[in-house]
PDB file of N, CA and C in Angstrom:
ATOM      1  N   MET A   1       0.815  -1.209   0.000  1.00  0.00           N
ATOM      2  CA  MET A   1       0.000   0.000   0.000  1.00  0.00           C
ATOM      3  C   MET A   1       0.854   1.268   0.000  1.00  0.00           C
ATOM      4  N   PRO A   2       1.847   1.412   0.904  1.00  0.00           N
ATOM      5  CA  PRO A   2       2.672   2.633   0.871  1.00  0.00           C
ATOM      6  C   PRO A   2       3.447   2.782  -0.437  1.00  0.00           C
ATOM      7  N   ALA A   3       3.839   1.670  -1.033  1.00  0.00           N
ATOM      8  CA  ALA A   3       4.566   1.752  -2.306  1.00  0.00           C
ATOM      9  C   ALA A   3       3.664   2.317  -3.392  1.00  0.00           C
ATOM     10  N   MET A   4       2.388   1.966  -3.364  1.00  0.00           N
ATOM     11  CA  MET A   4       1.455   2.472  -4.360  1.00  0.00           C
ATOM     12  C   MET A   4       1.261   3.977  -4.189  1.00  0.00           C
ATOM     13  N   ILE A   5       1.225   4.445  -2.948  1.00  0.00           N
ATOM     14  CA  ILE A   5       1.071   5.878  -2.688  1.00  0.00           C
ATOM     15  C   ILE A   5       2.323   6.616  -3.146  1.00  0.00           C
ATOM     16  N   LEU A   6       3.491   6.060  -2.884  1.00  0.00           N
ATOM     17  CA  LEU A   6       4.728   6.688  -3.345  1.00  0.00           C
ATOM     18  C   LEU A   6       4.795   6.717  -4.871  1.00  0.00           C
ATOM     19  N   ASP A   7       4.318   5.657  -5.504  1.00  0.00           N
ATOM     20  CA  ASP A   7       4.268   5.636  -6.971  1.00  0.00           C
ATOM     21  C   ASP A   7       3.308   6.697  -7.500  1.00  0.00           C
ATOM     22  N   ALA A   8       2.213   6.924  -6.782  1.00  0.00           N
ATOM     23  CA  ALA A   8       1.259   7.966  -7.193  1.00  0.00           C
ATOM     24  C   ALA A   8       1.917   9.335  -7.089  1.00  0.00           C
ATOM     25  N   PHE A   9       2.650   9.594  -6.003  1.00  0.00           N
ATOM     26  CA  PHE A   9       3.355  10.868  -5.869  1.00  0.00           C
ATOM     27  C   PHE A   9       4.409  11.028  -6.956  1.00  0.00           C
ATOM     28  N   LYS A  10       5.098   9.947  -7.262  1.00  0.00           N
ATOM     29  CA  LYS A  10       6.108  10.001  -8.317  1.00  0.00           C
ATOM     30  C   LYS A  10       5.477  10.350  -9.660  1.00  0.00           C
ATOM     31  N   ALA A  11       4.355   9.737  -9.960  1.00  0.00           N
ATOM     32  CA  ALA A  11       3.663  10.020 -11.222  1.00  0.00           C
ATOM     33  C   ALA A  11       3.173  11.463 -11.267  1.00  0.00           C
ATOM     34  N   VAL A  12       2.649  11.950 -10.150  1.00  0.00           N
ATOM     35  CA  VAL A  12       2.152  13.333 -10.101  1.00  0.00           C
ATOM     36  C   VAL A  12       3.308  14.325 -10.246  1.00  0.00           C
ATOM     37  N   LEU A  13       4.405  14.080  -9.570  1.00  0.00           N
ATOM     38  CA  LEU A  13       5.545  15.001  -9.658  1.00  0.00           C
ATOM     39  C   LEU A  13       6.138  15.010 -11.061  1.00  0.00           C
ATOM     40  N   TRP A  14       6.202  13.856 -11.705  1.00  0.00           N
ATOM     41  CA  TRP A  14       6.662  13.825 -13.092  1.00  0.00           C
ATOM     42  C   TRP A  14       5.708  14.600 -13.989  1.00  0.00           C
ATOM     43  N   SER A  15       4.416  14.517 -13.714  1.00  0.00           N
ATOM     44  CA  SER A  15       3.459  15.263 -14.541  1.00  0.00           C
ATOM     45  C   SER A  15       3.580  16.756 -14.299  1.00  0.00           C
ATOM     46  N   PHE A  16       3.909  17.178 -13.086  1.00  0.00           N
ATOM     47  CA  PHE A  16       4.161  18.599 -12.826  1.00  0.00           C
ATOM     48  C   PHE A  16       5.363  19.070 -13.636  1.00  0.00           C
ATOM     49  N   PHE A  17       6.368  18.213 -13.733  1.00  0.00           N
ATOM     50  CA  PHE A  17       7.573  18.544 -14.489  1.00  0.00           C
ATOM     51  C   PHE A  17       7.301  18.546 -15.989  1.00  0.00           C
ATOM     52  N   GLY A  18       6.369  17.719 -16.418  1.00  0.00           N
ATOM     53  CA  GLY A  18       5.959  17.708 -17.820  1.00  0.00           C
ATOM     54  C   GLY A  18       6.687  16.709 -18.700  1.00  0.00           C
ATOM     55  N   VAL A  19       7.431  15.799 -18.091  1.00  0.00           N
ATOM     56  CA  VAL A  19       8.180  14.812 -18.868  1.00  0.00           C
ATOM     57  C   VAL A  19       7.756  13.424 -18.395  1.00  0.00           C
ATOM     58  N   ARG A  20       7.359  12.600 -19.345  1.00  0.00           N
ATOM     59  CA  ARG A  20       6.932  11.252 -18.984  1.00  0.00           C
ATOM     60  C   ARG A  20       7.089  10.338 -20.181  1.00  0.00           C
ATOM     61  N   LYS A  21       7.703   9.196 -19.978  1.00  0.00           N
ATOM     62  CA  LYS A  21       7.820   8.215 -21.050  1.00  0.00           C
ATOM     63  C   LYS A  21       6.501   7.473 -21.191  1.00  0.00           C
ATOM     64  N   ARG A  22       6.183   7.096 -22.414  1.00  0.00           N
ATOM     65  CA  ARG A  22       4.917   6.413 -22.669  1.00  0.00           C
ATOM     66  C   ARG A  22       4.832   5.097 -21.892  1.00  0.00           C
ATOM     67  N   ALA A  23       5.930   4.364 -21.824  1.00  0.00           N
ATOM     68  CA  ALA A  23       5.914   3.082 -21.116  1.00  0.00           C
ATOM     69  C   ALA A  23       5.642   3.285 -19.629  1.00  0.00           C
ATOM     70  N   ALA A  24       6.241   4.299 -19.044  1.00  0.00           N
ATOM     71  CA  ALA A  24       6.007   4.580 -17.623  1.00  0.00           C
ATOM     72  C   ALA A  24       4.570   5.030 -17.394  1.00  0.00           C
ATOM     73  N   TYR A  25       4.041   5.834 -18.307  1.00  0.00           N
ATOM     74  CA  TYR A  25       2.651   6.280 -18.200  1.00  0.00           C
ATOM     75  C   TYR A  25       1.696   5.090 -18.266  1.00  0.00           C
ATOM     76  N   GLU A  26       1.920   4.220 -19.223  1.00  0.00           N
ATOM     77  CA  GLU A  26       1.041   3.058 -19.364  1.00  0.00           C
ATOM     78  C   GLU A  26       1.146   2.125 -18.161  1.00  0.00           C
ATOM     79  N   SER A  27       2.341   1.996 -17.623  1.00  0.00           N
ATOM     80  CA  SER A  27       2.524   1.185 -16.422  1.00  0.00           C
ATOM     81  C   SER A  27       1.754   1.786 -15.246  1.00  0.00           C
ATOM     82  N   ASP A  28       1.819   3.110 -15.104  1.00  0.00           N
ATOM     83  CA  ASP A  28       1.109   3.783 -14.016  1.00  0.00           C
ATOM     84  C   ASP A  28      -0.396   3.645 -14.156  1.00  0.00           C
ATOM     85  N   THR A  29      -0.908   3.740 -15.380  1.00  0.00           N
ATOM     86  CA  THR A  29      -2.354   3.620 -15.558  1.00  0.00           C
ATOM     87  C   THR A  29      -2.852   2.227 -15.207  1.00  0.00           C
ATOM     88  N   GLN A  30      -1.989   1.223 -15.319  1.00  0.00           N
ATOM     89  CA  GLN A  30      -2.384  -0.144 -14.995  1.00  0.00           C
ATOM     90  C   GLN A  30      -2.360  -0.426 -13.493  1.00  0.00           C
ATOM     91  N   LYS A  31      -1.391   0.160 -12.770  1.00  0.00           N
ATOM     92  CA  LYS A  31      -1.216  -0.235 -11.378  1.00  0.00           C
ATOM     93  C   LYS A  31      -1.711   0.773 -10.354  1.00  0.00           C
ATOM     94  N   LEU A  32      -1.905   2.039 -10.731  1.00  0.00           N
ATOM     95  CA  LEU A  32      -2.323   3.053  -9.756  1.00  0.00           C
ATOM     96  C   LEU A  32      -3.830   3.221  -9.737  1.00  0.00           C
ATOM     97  N   LYS A  33      -4.347   3.451  -8.560  1.00  0.00           N
ATOM     98  CA  LYS A  33      -5.773   3.726  -8.410  1.00  0.00           C
ATOM     99  C   LYS A  33      -6.003   5.229  -8.587  1.00  0.00           C
ATOM    100  N   PRO A  34      -7.097   5.607  -9.241  1.00  0.00           N
ATOM    101  CA  PRO A  34      -7.373   7.030  -9.453  1.00  0.00           C
ATOM    102  C   PRO A  34      -7.462   7.823  -8.146  1.00  0.00           C
ATOM    103  N   GLN A  35      -7.968   7.197  -7.087  1.00  0.00           N
ATOM    104  CA  GLN A  35      -8.085   7.897  -5.804  1.00  0.00           C
ATOM    105  C   GLN A  35      -6.707   8.304  -5.275  1.00  0.00           C
ATOM    106  N   HIS A  36      -5.726   7.439  -5.440  1.00  0.00           N
ATOM    107  CA  HIS A  36      -4.383   7.735  -4.964  1.00  0.00           C
ATOM    108  C   HIS A  36      -3.759   8.869  -5.782  1.00  0.00           C
ATOM    109  N   VAL A  37      -3.981   8.846  -7.078  1.00  0.00           N
ATOM    110  CA  VAL A  37      -3.413   9.883  -7.949  1.00  0.00           C
ATOM    111  C   VAL A  37      -4.066  11.235  -7.649  1.00  0.00           C
ATOM    112  N   ILE A  38      -5.377  11.242  -7.443  1.00  0.00           N
ATOM    113  CA  ILE A  38      -6.075  12.494  -7.126  1.00  0.00           C
ATOM    114  C   ILE A  38      -5.595  13.049  -5.789  1.00  0.00           C
ATOM    115  N   ALA A  39      -5.489  12.190  -4.785  1.00  0.00           N
ATOM    116  CA  ALA A  39      -5.022  12.632  -3.472  1.00  0.00           C
ATOM    117  C   ALA A  39      -3.587  13.156  -3.554  1.00  0.00           C
ATOM    118  N   ALA A  40      -2.725  12.443  -4.255  1.00  0.00           N
ATOM    119  CA  ALA A  40      -1.337  12.882  -4.402  1.00  0.00           C
ATOM    120  C   ALA A  40      -1.273  14.206  -5.162  1.00  0.00           C
ATOM    121  N   GLY A  41      -2.111  14.367  -6.162  1.00  0.00           N
ATOM    122  CA  GLY A  41      -2.151  15.619  -6.923  1.00  0.00           C
ATOM    123  C   GLY A  41      -2.595  16.787  -6.070  1.00  0.00           C
ATOM    124  N   LEU A  42      -3.608  16.586  -5.249  1.00  0.00           N
ATOM    125  CA  LEU A  42      -4.077  17.661  -4.370  1.00  0.00           C
ATOM    126  C   LEU A  42      -3.022  18.043  -3.336  1.00  0.00           C
ATOM    127  N   VAL A  43      -2.385  17.040  -2.748  1.00  0.00           N
ATOM    128  CA  VAL A  43      -1.337  17.317  -1.757  1.00  0.00           C
ATOM    129  C   VAL A  43      -0.153  18.023  -2.412  1.00  0.00           C
ATOM    130  N   ALA A  44       0.273  17.554  -3.579  1.00  0.00           N
ATOM    131  CA  ALA A  44       1.410  18.171  -4.271  1.00  0.00           C
ATOM    132  C   ALA A  44       1.077  19.603  -4.685  1.00  0.00           C
ATOM    133  N   ALA A  45      -0.146  19.841  -5.146  1.00  0.00           N
ATOM    134  CA  ALA A  45      -0.551  21.199  -5.524  1.00  0.00           C
ATOM    135  C   ALA A  45      -0.577  22.112  -4.306  1.00  0.00           C
ATOM    136  N   LEU A  46      -1.070  21.620  -3.188  1.00  0.00           N
ATOM    137  CA  LEU A  46      -1.095  22.417  -1.957  1.00  0.00           C
ATOM    138  C   LEU A  46       0.318  22.766  -1.499  1.00  0.00           C
ATOM    139  N   VAL A  47       1.201  21.787  -1.530  1.00  0.00           N
ATOM    140  CA  VAL A  47       2.595  22.040  -1.138  1.00  0.00           C
ATOM    141  C   VAL A  47       3.231  23.055  -2.090  1.00  0.00           C
ATOM    142  N   PHE A  48       2.964  22.932  -3.379  1.00  0.00           N
ATOM    143  CA  PHE A  48       3.501  23.860  -4.371  1.00  0.00           C
ATOM    144  C   PHE A  48       3.031  25.291  -4.106  1.00  0.00           C
ATOM    145  N   VAL A  49       1.746  25.453  -3.846  1.00  0.00           N
ATOM    146  CA  VAL A  49       1.199  26.788  -3.566  1.00  0.00           C
ATOM    147  C   VAL A  49       1.786  27.347  -2.275  1.00  0.00           C
ATOM    148  N   LEU A  50       1.913  26.527  -1.252  1.00  0.00           N
ATOM    149  CA  LEU A  50       2.489  27.001   0.008  1.00  0.00           C
ATOM    150  C   LEU A  50       3.949  27.408  -0.148  1.00  0.00           C
ATOM    151  N   VAL A  51       4.698  26.654  -0.924  1.00  0.00           N
ATOM    152  CA  VAL A  51       6.103  27.019  -1.169  1.00  0.00           C
ATOM    153  C   VAL A  51       6.184  28.343  -1.919  1.00  0.00           C
ATOM    154  N   LEU A  52       5.342  28.522  -2.921  1.00  0.00           N
ATOM    155  CA  LEU A  52       5.317  29.799  -3.641  1.00  0.00           C
ATOM    156  C   LEU A  52       4.945  30.942  -2.706  1.00  0.00           C
ATOM    157  N   PHE A  53       3.966  30.718  -1.857  1.00  0.00           N
ATOM    158  CA  PHE A  53       3.544  31.743  -0.897  1.00  0.00           C
ATOM    159  C   PHE A  53       4.696  32.109   0.040  1.00  0.00           C
ATOM    160  N   LEU A  54       5.411  31.114   0.539  1.00  0.00           N
ATOM    161  CA  LEU A  54       6.538  31.376   1.432  1.00  0.00           C
ATOM    162  C   LEU A  54       7.661  32.136   0.715  1.00  0.00           C
ATOM    163  N   ILE A  55       7.917  31.796  -0.521  1.00  0.00           N
ATOM    164  CA  ILE A  55       8.945  32.504  -1.296  1.00  0.00           C
ATOM    165  C   ILE A  55       8.569  33.967  -1.475  1.00  0.00           C
ATOM    166  N   VAL A  56       7.309  34.216  -1.794  1.00  0.00           N
ATOM    167  CA  VAL A  56       6.851  35.598  -1.968  1.00  0.00           C
ATOM    168  C   VAL A  56       6.944  36.341  -0.638  1.00  0.00           C
ATOM    169  N   LYS A  57       6.567  35.714   0.448  1.00  0.00           N
ATOM    170  CA  LYS A  57       6.660  36.356   1.766  1.00  0.00           C
ATOM    171  C   LYS A  57       8.108  36.708   2.117  1.00  0.00           C
ATOM    172  N   LEU A  58       9.038  35.803   1.799  1.00  0.00           N
ATOM    173  CA  LEU A  58      10.443  36.059   2.107  1.00  0.00           C
ATOM    174  C   LEU A  58      11.015  37.170   1.229  1.00  0.00           C
ATOM    175  N   VAL A  59      10.615  37.218  -0.013  1.00  0.00           N
ATOM    176  CA  VAL A  59      11.145  38.217  -0.959  1.00  0.00           C
ATOM    177  C   VAL A  59      10.589  39.607  -0.639  1.00  0.00           C
ATOM    178  N   THR A  60       9.349  39.677  -0.199  1.00  0.00           N
ATOM    179  CA  THR A  60       8.726  40.982   0.022  1.00  0.00           C
ATOM    180  C   THR A  60       8.926  41.529   1.419  1.00  0.00           C
ATOM    181  N   ARG A  61       9.728  40.898   2.212  1.00  0.00           N
ATOM    182  CA  ARG A  61      10.009  41.423   3.572  1.00  0.00           C
ATOM    183  C   ARG A  61      10.856  42.632   3.511  1.00  0.00           C
TER     184      ARG A  61
END
């Protein structure tokens, strides 16, 4: 179970980066559950927004 969640985060982070091999994509679609990918995407997006917010706060001090 934890390996599947880590694989979901890996797939989401690669999609944020915008680079993905077709074989890896097809492998992910076969083994990952949509719920895990959605949850990982929401968490990664939240972390991304918070990091951007912190950077802006530090720069504008």
